Amino acid sequence: MDIQVQSFAVANLRRRPVVVETSGFVAGFTPDDDSPYLNYATPLPSAEPTERDVAALIGVFRERGLLTRLEFAPEAAPGVAPALRAAGFGTEAMHEYLVCTPHTLTAPQSADSPRVETPTTDVEYAAVDAALAEAFGGVFPPSAQGAARLRRTQQRGGAVRFVRTPQGDCAGGASCSPPAEDTAELSGVGTRPAYRSRGIAAAVTATLSGAMFAQGAGSVWLEYSGAGSRRVYERVGYQPQGTRLYLSLPPEQQP
């Protein structure tokens, strides 16, 4: 699964508005946002970069004034992490990823399960963006660009789903990328604090996964942030499969 997830990461970055490929790496950039979470690189599966290759990658980020940052499945390219660490890269995080298939998916069965919807209007996309911003503590501030990115995800073959509050606003939601390499990444599962522990995350996750399987994807994968969220995902059919590594070059070490 590591090779498949890493091949997906490459294909997904190649969808970015600006893509730069150097020896062994693909970098994707979002011109309207300088967030390191939207501007990063990933290696090709089985890449074995040289010191020169790493220096070239650093140069791609330096000329844009951005943090040099990578996300990847280390087991899919064992030679990459040592080469990056030798150049001064440090670890931001290592996350386990979970995988769901059509055979393991288990939709919530409770009669009280929240009703999951697809946003259709600008107001609804903005509401989902704002709810996710609140759910993640402002890591991604709500913005017109964020709402537009969610709409593009839906329009380009991915999926966005949400659950309404009793007042008609968004209580929580998530999005899933368009499939590539027979898999898709489900990300940004978030519930506003006032509406947690009501089954929203499980309902949204199961619905999004089912939507991808209906499009023919053989699996959906995601990363989780803690034991509580992992239990939610496991209840709807997600199982551990591997790890993803996040490395970046400290600003003071940028050449």
C-alpha atoms as a PDB file:
ATOM      1  CA  MET A   1       0.000   0.000   0.000  1.00  0.00           C
ATOM      2  CA  ASP A   2       2.929   2.383   0.603  1.00  0.00           C
ATOM      3  CA  ILE A   3       3.792   2.460  -3.106  1.00  0.00           C
ATOM      4  CA  GLN A   4       0.151   3.104  -4.024  1.00  0.00           C
ATOM      5  CA  VAL A   5      -0.227   5.905  -1.470  1.00  0.00           C
ATOM      6  CA  GLN A   6       3.033   7.478  -2.626  1.00  0.00           C
ATOM      7  CA  SER A   7       2.044   7.176  -6.292  1.00  0.00           C
ATOM      8  CA  PHE A   8      -1.215   8.897  -5.370  1.00  0.00           C
ATOM      9  CA  ALA A   9       0.711  11.691  -3.632  1.00  0.00           C
ATOM     10  CA  VAL A  10       2.691  12.305  -6.821  1.00  0.00           C
ATOM     11  CA  ALA A  11      -0.423  12.295  -9.017  1.00  0.00           C
ATOM     12  CA  ASN A  12      -2.278  14.576  -6.615  1.00  0.00           C
ATOM     13  CA  LEU A  13       0.521  17.152  -6.487  1.00  0.00           C
ATOM     14  CA  ARG A  14       0.615  17.185 -10.295  1.00  0.00           C
ATOM     15  CA  ARG A  15      -2.932  18.582 -10.146  1.00  0.00           C
ATOM     16  CA  ARG A  16      -1.763  21.782  -8.407  1.00  0.00           C
ATOM     17  CA  PRO A  17      -1.957  25.105 -10.276  1.00  0.00           C
ATOM     18  CA  VAL A  18       1.859  25.251 -10.417  1.00  0.00           C
ATOM     19  CA  VAL A  19       3.959  22.093 -10.638  1.00  0.00           C
ATOM     20  CA  VAL A  20       7.759  21.858 -10.730  1.00  0.00           C
ATOM     21  CA  GLU A  21       9.505  18.535 -11.249  1.00  0.00           C
ATOM     22  CA  THR A  22      13.155  18.063 -10.384  1.00  0.00           C
ATOM     23  CA  SER A  23      15.210  14.877 -10.362  1.00  0.00           C
ATOM     24  CA  GLY A  24      13.272  12.454  -8.186  1.00  0.00           C
ATOM     25  CA  PHE A  25      10.773  14.983  -6.795  1.00  0.00           C
ATOM     26  CA  VAL A  26       7.475  16.664  -7.655  1.00  0.00           C
ATOM     27  CA  ALA A  27       6.633  20.014  -6.030  1.00  0.00           C
ATOM     28  CA  GLY A  28       3.144  21.493  -6.102  1.00  0.00           C
ATOM     29  CA  PHE A  29       2.337  25.134  -5.379  1.00  0.00           C
ATOM     30  CA  THR A  30      -0.811  27.156  -4.721  1.00  0.00           C
ATOM     31  CA  PRO A  31      -0.103  30.745  -5.871  1.00  0.00           C
ATOM     32  CA  ASP A  32      -2.844  32.426  -3.825  1.00  0.00           C
ATOM     33  CA  ASP A  33      -1.640  31.001  -0.502  1.00  0.00           C
ATOM     34  CA  ASP A  34       1.806  30.678   1.088  1.00  0.00           C
ATOM     35  CA  SER A  35       0.748  28.018   3.612  1.00  0.00           C
ATOM     36  CA  PRO A  36       3.326  25.215   3.898  1.00  0.00           C
ATOM     37  CA  TYR A  37       0.423  22.755   3.924  1.00  0.00           C
ATOM     38  CA  LEU A  38      -0.511  23.833   0.393  1.00  0.00           C
ATOM     39  CA  ASN A  39       3.011  24.204  -0.998  1.00  0.00           C
ATOM     40  CA  TYR A  40       5.216  21.155  -0.628  1.00  0.00           C
ATOM     41  CA  ALA A  41       7.008  18.370  -2.479  1.00  0.00           C
ATOM     42  CA  THR A  42       6.991  14.595  -2.559  1.00  0.00           C
ATOM     43  CA  PRO A  43       9.447  12.063  -4.018  1.00  0.00           C
ATOM     44  CA  LEU A  44       8.778   9.639  -6.819  1.00  0.00           C
ATOM     45  CA  PRO A  45       8.396   6.069  -5.560  1.00  0.00           C
ATOM     46  CA  SER A  46      11.795   4.385  -5.166  1.00  0.00           C
ATOM     47  CA  ALA A  47      13.645   7.689  -5.690  1.00  0.00           C
ATOM     48  CA  GLU A  48      17.273   7.769  -4.544  1.00  0.00           C
ATOM     49  CA  PRO A  49      18.190  11.464  -4.608  1.00  0.00           C
ATOM     50  CA  THR A  50      21.751  12.697  -4.669  1.00  0.00           C
ATOM     51  CA  GLU A  51      23.057  15.721  -2.803  1.00  0.00           C
ATOM     52  CA  ARG A  52      22.694  17.700  -6.031  1.00  0.00           C
ATOM     53  CA  ASP A  53      19.077  16.579  -6.421  1.00  0.00           C
ATOM     54  CA  VAL A  54      18.239  17.761  -2.897  1.00  0.00           C
ATOM     55  CA  ALA A  55      19.970  21.097  -3.504  1.00  0.00           C
ATOM     56  CA  ALA A  56      17.943  21.586  -6.680  1.00  0.00           C
ATOM     57  CA  LEU A  57      14.722  20.923  -4.783  1.00  0.00           C
ATOM     58  CA  ILE A  58      15.670  23.427  -2.080  1.00  0.00           C
ATOM     59  CA  GLY A  59      16.302  25.986  -4.813  1.00  0.00           C
ATOM     60  CA  VAL A  60      12.777  25.537  -6.183  1.00  0.00           C
ATOM     61  CA  PHE A  61      11.318  26.588  -2.819  1.00  0.00           C
ATOM     62  CA  ARG A  62      13.915  29.251  -2.075  1.00  0.00           C
ATOM     63  CA  GLU A  63      13.196  31.155  -5.288  1.00  0.00           C
ATOM     64  CA  ARG A  64       9.570  31.368  -4.197  1.00  0.00           C
ATOM     65  CA  GLY A  65      10.366  32.396  -0.634  1.00  0.00           C
ATOM     66  CA  LEU A  66       8.686  29.284   0.769  1.00  0.00           C
ATOM     67  CA  LEU A  67       9.614  26.737   3.414  1.00  0.00           C
ATOM     68  CA  THR A  68      11.126  23.638   1.806  1.00  0.00           C
ATOM     69  CA  ARG A  69       8.796  20.897   2.934  1.00  0.00           C
ATOM     70  CA  LEU A  70       7.963  17.323   1.949  1.00  0.00           C
ATOM     71  CA  GLU A  71       5.221  14.809   2.694  1.00  0.00           C
ATOM     72  CA  PHE A  72       5.663  11.155   1.725  1.00  0.00           C
ATOM     73  CA  ALA A  73       5.424   7.492   2.648  1.00  0.00           C
ATOM     74  CA  PRO A  74       9.024   6.709   3.630  1.00  0.00           C
ATOM     75  CA  GLU A  75       8.800   2.971   2.954  1.00  0.00           C
ATOM     76  CA  ALA A  76       7.967   3.726  -0.688  1.00  0.00           C
ATOM     77  CA  ALA A  77      11.290   5.544  -1.166  1.00  0.00           C
ATOM     78  CA  PRO A  78      13.735   4.400   1.547  1.00  0.00           C
ATOM     79  CA  GLY A  79      16.629   6.448   0.217  1.00  0.00           C
ATOM     80  CA  VAL A  80      14.859   9.811   0.493  1.00  0.00           C
ATOM     81  CA  ALA A  81      14.721  10.487   4.236  1.00  0.00           C
ATOM     82  CA  PRO A  82      18.463   9.841   4.796  1.00  0.00           C
ATOM     83  CA  ALA A  83      19.373  12.156   1.906  1.00  0.00           C
ATOM     84  CA  LEU A  84      17.132  14.914   3.243  1.00  0.00           C
ATOM     85  CA  ARG A  85      18.382  14.553   6.815  1.00  0.00           C
ATOM     86  CA  ALA A  86      21.960  14.780   5.565  1.00  0.00           C
ATOM     87  CA  ALA A  87      21.018  18.179   4.084  1.00  0.00           C
ATOM     88  CA  GLY A  88      19.652  19.389   7.431  1.00  0.00           C
ATOM     89  CA  PHE A  89      15.961  18.534   7.152  1.00  0.00           C
ATOM     90  CA  GLY A  90      14.152  17.880  10.399  1.00  0.00           C
ATOM     91  CA  THR A  91      11.033  15.903  11.233  1.00  0.00           C
ATOM     92  CA  GLU A  92       7.777  17.812  11.603  1.00  0.00           C
ATOM     93  CA  ALA A  93       5.706  14.700  12.215  1.00  0.00           C
ATOM     94  CA  MET A  94       5.180  11.068  11.363  1.00  0.00           C
ATOM     95  CA  HIS A  95       1.566   9.966  11.057  1.00  0.00           C
ATOM     96  CA  GLU A  96       0.067   6.532  10.671  1.00  0.00           C
ATOM     97  CA  TYR A  97      -2.390   6.239   7.826  1.00  0.00           C
ATOM     98  CA  LEU A  98      -5.513   4.099   7.714  1.00  0.00           C
ATOM     99  CA  VAL A  99      -7.127   2.500   4.674  1.00  0.00           C
ATOM    100  CA  CYS A 100     -10.719   1.566   3.894  1.00  0.00           C
ATOM    101  CA  THR A 101     -11.936  -0.624   1.028  1.00  0.00           C
ATOM    102  CA  PRO A 102     -15.420  -1.428  -0.250  1.00  0.00           C
ATOM    103  CA  HIS A 103     -15.203  -4.701   1.695  1.00  0.00           C
ATOM    104  CA  THR A 104     -14.358  -3.096   5.048  1.00  0.00           C
ATOM    105  CA  LEU A 105     -16.632  -0.017   4.870  1.00  0.00           C
ATOM    106  CA  THR A 106     -19.292  -0.071   7.588  1.00  0.00           C
ATOM    107  CA  ALA A 107     -21.864   2.720   7.476  1.00  0.00           C
ATOM    108  CA  PRO A 108     -23.307   3.930  10.801  1.00  0.00           C
ATOM    109  CA  GLN A 109     -26.542   2.047  11.484  1.00  0.00           C
ATOM    110  CA  SER A 110     -28.113   4.195  14.190  1.00  0.00           C
ATOM    111  CA  ALA A 111     -31.453   5.835  13.460  1.00  0.00           C
ATOM    112  CA  ASP A 112     -29.976   8.951  15.031  1.00  0.00           C
ATOM    113  CA  SER A 113     -27.092   9.164  12.542  1.00  0.00           C
ATOM    114  CA  PRO A 114     -26.771  12.712  11.181  1.00  0.00           C
ATOM    115  CA  ARG A 115     -28.016  13.525   7.705  1.00  0.00           C
ATOM    116  CA  VAL A 116     -25.037  14.101   5.414  1.00  0.00           C
ATOM    117  CA  GLU A 117     -25.348  16.554   2.515  1.00  0.00           C
ATOM    118  CA  THR A 118     -23.343  17.844  -0.438  1.00  0.00           C
ATOM    119  CA  PRO A 119     -22.839  21.624  -0.549  1.00  0.00           C
ATOM    120  CA  THR A 120     -24.193  23.271  -3.684  1.00  0.00           C
ATOM    121  CA  THR A 121     -24.195  27.024  -3.063  1.00  0.00           C
ATOM    122  CA  ASP A 122     -21.436  29.511  -2.324  1.00  0.00           C
ATOM    123  CA  VAL A 123     -22.985  30.067   1.109  1.00  0.00           C
ATOM    124  CA  GLU A 124     -22.797  26.345   1.907  1.00  0.00           C
ATOM    125  CA  TYR A 125     -19.190  26.003   0.747  1.00  0.00           C
ATOM    126  CA  ALA A 126     -18.260  29.045   2.835  1.00  0.00           C
ATOM    127  CA  ALA A 127     -20.047  27.530   5.829  1.00  0.00           C
ATOM    128  CA  VAL A 128     -18.112  24.267   5.473  1.00  0.00           C
ATOM    129  CA  ASP A 129     -14.828  26.163   5.174  1.00  0.00           C
ATOM    130  CA  ALA A 130     -15.633  28.211   8.292  1.00  0.00           C
ATOM    131  CA  ALA A 131     -16.668  25.139  10.279  1.00  0.00           C
ATOM    132  CA  LEU A 132     -13.461  23.298   9.401  1.00  0.00           C
ATOM    133  CA  ALA A 133     -11.398  26.354  10.321  1.00  0.00           C
ATOM    134  CA  GLU A 134     -13.046  26.384  13.743  1.00  0.00           C
ATOM    135  CA  ALA A 135     -12.681  22.623  14.132  1.00  0.00           C
ATOM    136  CA  PHE A 136      -8.932  22.802  13.541  1.00  0.00           C
ATOM    137  CA  GLY A 137      -8.319  25.777  15.782  1.00  0.00           C
ATOM    138  CA  GLY A 138      -7.636  28.325  13.071  1.00  0.00           C
ATOM    139  CA  VAL A 139      -4.753  26.480  11.368  1.00  0.00           C
ATOM    140  CA  PHE A 140      -6.589  27.335   8.155  1.00  0.00           C
ATOM    141  CA  PRO A 141      -8.447  30.625   8.657  1.00  0.00           C
ATOM    142  CA  PRO A 142     -11.784  30.748   6.813  1.00  0.00           C
ATOM    143  CA  SER A 143     -11.450  32.465   3.460  1.00  0.00           C
ATOM    144  CA  ALA A 144     -12.993  32.846   0.040  1.00  0.00           C
ATOM    145  CA  GLN A 145     -10.006  30.907  -1.343  1.00  0.00           C
ATOM    146  CA  GLY A 146     -10.660  28.028   1.032  1.00  0.00           C
ATOM    147  CA  ALA A 147     -14.317  27.829   0.044  1.00  0.00           C
ATOM    148  CA  ALA A 148     -13.323  27.952  -3.628  1.00  0.00           C
ATOM    149  CA  ARG A 149     -10.848  25.088  -3.137  1.00  0.00           C
ATOM    150  CA  LEU A 150     -13.622  22.966  -1.646  1.00  0.00           C
ATOM    151  CA  ARG A 151     -15.874  23.710  -4.606  1.00  0.00           C
ATOM    152  CA  ARG A 152     -13.081  22.793  -7.042  1.00  0.00           C
ATOM    153  CA  THR A 153     -12.568  19.502  -5.218  1.00  0.00           C
ATOM    154  CA  GLN A 154     -16.214  18.620  -5.776  1.00  0.00           C
ATOM    155  CA  GLN A 155     -16.240  19.814  -9.385  1.00  0.00           C
ATOM    156  CA  ARG A 156     -13.073  17.925 -10.349  1.00  0.00           C
ATOM    157  CA  GLY A 157     -14.206  14.476  -9.293  1.00  0.00           C
ATOM    158  CA  GLY A 158     -13.612  14.560  -5.562  1.00  0.00           C
ATOM    159  CA  ALA A 159     -16.291  15.011  -2.929  1.00  0.00           C
ATOM    160  CA  VAL A 160     -17.272  17.394  -0.122  1.00  0.00           C
ATOM    161  CA  ARG A 161     -19.854  16.482   2.482  1.00  0.00           C
ATOM    162  CA  PHE A 162     -21.243  18.185   5.575  1.00  0.00           C
ATOM    163  CA  VAL A 163     -23.843  17.989   8.337  1.00  0.00           C
ATOM    164  CA  ARG A 164     -26.056  20.963   9.185  1.00  0.00           C
ATOM    165  CA  THR A 165     -26.657  22.455  12.589  1.00  0.00           C
ATOM    166  CA  PRO A 166     -30.304  22.745  13.687  1.00  0.00           C
ATOM    167  CA  GLN A 167     -30.088  26.392  12.599  1.00  0.00           C
ATOM    168  CA  GLY A 168     -28.977  25.416   9.083  1.00  0.00           C
ATOM    169  CA  ASP A 169     -25.279  26.268   9.381  1.00  0.00           C
ATOM    170  CA  CYS A 170     -22.472  23.686   9.116  1.00  0.00           C
ATOM    171  CA  ALA A 171     -21.705  21.548  12.172  1.00  0.00           C
ATOM    172  CA  GLY A 172     -18.895  19.581  10.548  1.00  0.00           C
ATOM    173  CA  GLY A 173     -17.661  18.131   7.298  1.00  0.00           C
ATOM    174  CA  ALA A 174     -14.754  16.852   5.246  1.00  0.00           C
ATOM    175  CA  SER A 175     -13.507  16.468   1.700  1.00  0.00           C
ATOM    176  CA  CYS A 176     -11.992  13.718  -0.403  1.00  0.00           C
ATOM    177  CA  SER A 177      -9.643  14.173  -3.328  1.00  0.00           C
ATOM    178  CA  PRO A 178     -10.464  12.917  -6.804  1.00  0.00           C
ATOM    179  CA  PRO A 179      -9.202   9.328  -7.112  1.00  0.00           C
ATOM    180  CA  ALA A 180      -5.790   8.564  -8.624  1.00  0.00           C
ATOM    181  CA  GLU A 181      -3.813   5.326  -8.757  1.00  0.00           C
ATOM    182  CA  ASP A 182      -7.009   3.509  -7.695  1.00  0.00           C
ATOM    183  CA  THR A 183      -7.159   5.303  -4.345  1.00  0.00           C
ATOM    184  CA  ALA A 184      -8.243   8.644  -2.873  1.00  0.00           C
ATOM    185  CA  GLU A 185      -7.283  10.705   0.168  1.00  0.00           C
ATOM    186  CA  LEU A 186      -9.953  11.731   2.650  1.00  0.00           C
ATOM    187  CA  SER A 187      -8.842  14.797   4.592  1.00  0.00           C
ATOM    188  CA  GLY A 188      -9.950  17.604   6.842  1.00  0.00           C
ATOM    189  CA  VAL A 189     -12.548  15.667   8.821  1.00  0.00           C
ATOM    190  CA  GLY A 190     -13.620  18.257  11.364  1.00  0.00           C
ATOM    191  CA  THR A 191     -16.525  19.016  13.693  1.00  0.00           C
ATOM    192  CA  ARG A 192     -17.131  22.302  15.436  1.00  0.00           C
ATOM    193  CA  PRO A 193     -16.532  21.877  19.198  1.00  0.00           C
ATOM    194  CA  ALA A 194     -20.164  22.487  20.154  1.00  0.00           C
ATOM    195  CA  TYR A 195     -21.330  19.574  17.984  1.00  0.00           C
ATOM    196  CA  ARG A 196     -18.785  16.872  18.783  1.00  0.00           C
ATOM    197  CA  SER A 197     -19.680  13.384  20.035  1.00  0.00           C
ATOM    198  CA  ARG A 198     -22.806  13.291  17.889  1.00  0.00           C
ATOM    199  CA  GLY A 199     -21.587  10.905  15.185  1.00  0.00           C
ATOM    200  CA  ILE A 200     -20.883  13.633  12.634  1.00  0.00           C
ATOM    201  CA  ALA A 201     -17.308  12.593  11.820  1.00  0.00           C
ATOM    202  CA  ALA A 202     -18.266   8.936  11.373  1.00  0.00           C
ATOM    203  CA  ALA A 203     -21.249   9.767   9.174  1.00  0.00           C
ATOM    204  CA  VAL A 204     -19.282  12.136   6.951  1.00  0.00           C
ATOM    205  CA  THR A 205     -16.338   9.738   6.673  1.00  0.00           C
ATOM    206  CA  ALA A 206     -18.533   6.794   5.723  1.00  0.00           C
ATOM    207  CA  THR A 207     -20.497   8.830   3.171  1.00  0.00           C
ATOM    208  CA  LEU A 208     -17.385  10.246   1.508  1.00  0.00           C
ATOM    209  CA  SER A 209     -15.756   6.813   1.364  1.00  0.00           C
ATOM    210  CA  GLY A 210     -18.867   5.339  -0.221  1.00  0.00           C
ATOM    211  CA  ALA A 211     -18.932   8.141  -2.780  1.00  0.00           C
ATOM    212  CA  MET A 212     -15.378   7.297  -3.866  1.00  0.00           C
ATOM    213  CA  PHE A 213     -16.134   3.599  -4.097  1.00  0.00           C
ATOM    214  CA  ALA A 214     -19.168   4.419  -6.246  1.00  0.00           C
ATOM    215  CA  GLN A 215     -16.739   6.182  -8.612  1.00  0.00           C
ATOM    216  CA  GLY A 216     -14.629   3.022  -8.832  1.00  0.00           C
ATOM    217  CA  ALA A 217     -11.834   3.723  -6.340  1.00  0.00           C
ATOM    218  CA  GLY A 218     -10.400   0.558  -4.830  1.00  0.00           C
ATOM    219  CA  SER A 219      -9.547   2.212  -1.527  1.00  0.00           C
ATOM    220  CA  VAL A 220      -9.624   5.461   0.435  1.00  0.00           C
ATOM    221  CA  TRP A 221      -6.924   6.449   2.919  1.00  0.00           C
ATOM    222  CA  LEU A 222      -6.570   9.078   5.616  1.00  0.00           C
ATOM    223  CA  GLU A 223      -4.354  10.185   8.465  1.00  0.00           C
ATOM    224  CA  TYR A 224      -5.626  10.662  11.997  1.00  0.00           C
ATOM    225  CA  SER A 225      -4.646  13.039  14.766  1.00  0.00           C
ATOM    226  CA  GLY A 226      -5.265  11.039  17.949  1.00  0.00           C
ATOM    227  CA  ALA A 227      -6.636   7.899  19.547  1.00  0.00           C
ATOM    228  CA  GLY A 228     -10.173   9.301  19.642  1.00  0.00           C
ATOM    229  CA  SER A 229     -10.328  10.031  15.933  1.00  0.00           C
ATOM    230  CA  ARG A 230      -8.701   6.697  15.133  1.00  0.00           C
ATOM    231  CA  ARG A 231     -11.520   4.876  16.916  1.00  0.00           C
ATOM    232  CA  VAL A 232     -14.068   6.822  14.855  1.00  0.00           C
ATOM    233  CA  TYR A 233     -12.394   5.790  11.594  1.00  0.00           C
ATOM    234  CA  GLU A 234     -11.935   2.174  12.662  1.00  0.00           C
ATOM    235  CA  ARG A 235     -15.657   1.925  13.412  1.00  0.00           C
ATOM    236  CA  VAL A 236     -16.472   2.735   9.786  1.00  0.00           C
ATOM    237  CA  GLY A 237     -13.919   0.298   8.357  1.00  0.00           C
ATOM    238  CA  TYR A 238     -10.506   1.978   8.294  1.00  0.00           C
ATOM    239  CA  GLN A 239      -7.476  -0.134   9.179  1.00  0.00           C
ATOM    240  CA  PRO A 240      -3.791   0.793   9.735  1.00  0.00           C
ATOM    241  CA  GLN A 241      -1.537   0.238   6.729  1.00  0.00           C
ATOM    242  CA  GLY A 242       1.584   2.417   6.959  1.00  0.00           C
ATOM    243  CA  THR A 243       3.126   5.763   7.852  1.00  0.00           C
ATOM    244  CA  ARG A 244       3.622   9.153   6.271  1.00  0.00           C
ATOM    245  CA  LEU A 245       6.611  11.361   7.098  1.00  0.00           C
ATOM    246  CA  TYR A 246       6.730  15.177   7.126  1.00  0.00           C
ATOM    247  CA  LEU A 247      10.161  16.770   6.773  1.00  0.00           C
ATOM    248  CA  SER A 248      11.154  20.417   6.380  1.00  0.00           C
ATOM    249  CA  LEU A 249      14.338  22.461   6.259  1.00  0.00           C
ATOM    250  CA  PRO A 250      14.640  24.960   9.114  1.00  0.00           C
ATOM    251  CA  PRO A 251      14.603  28.530   7.721  1.00  0.00           C
ATOM    252  CA  GLU A 252      18.040  29.314   9.138  1.00  0.00           C
ATOM    253  CA  GLN A 253      19.459  26.414   7.122  1.00  0.00           C
ATOM    254  CA  GLN A 254      17.955  27.485   3.817  1.00  0.00           C
ATOM    255  CA  PRO A 255      20.972  28.173   1.570  1.00  0.00           C
END
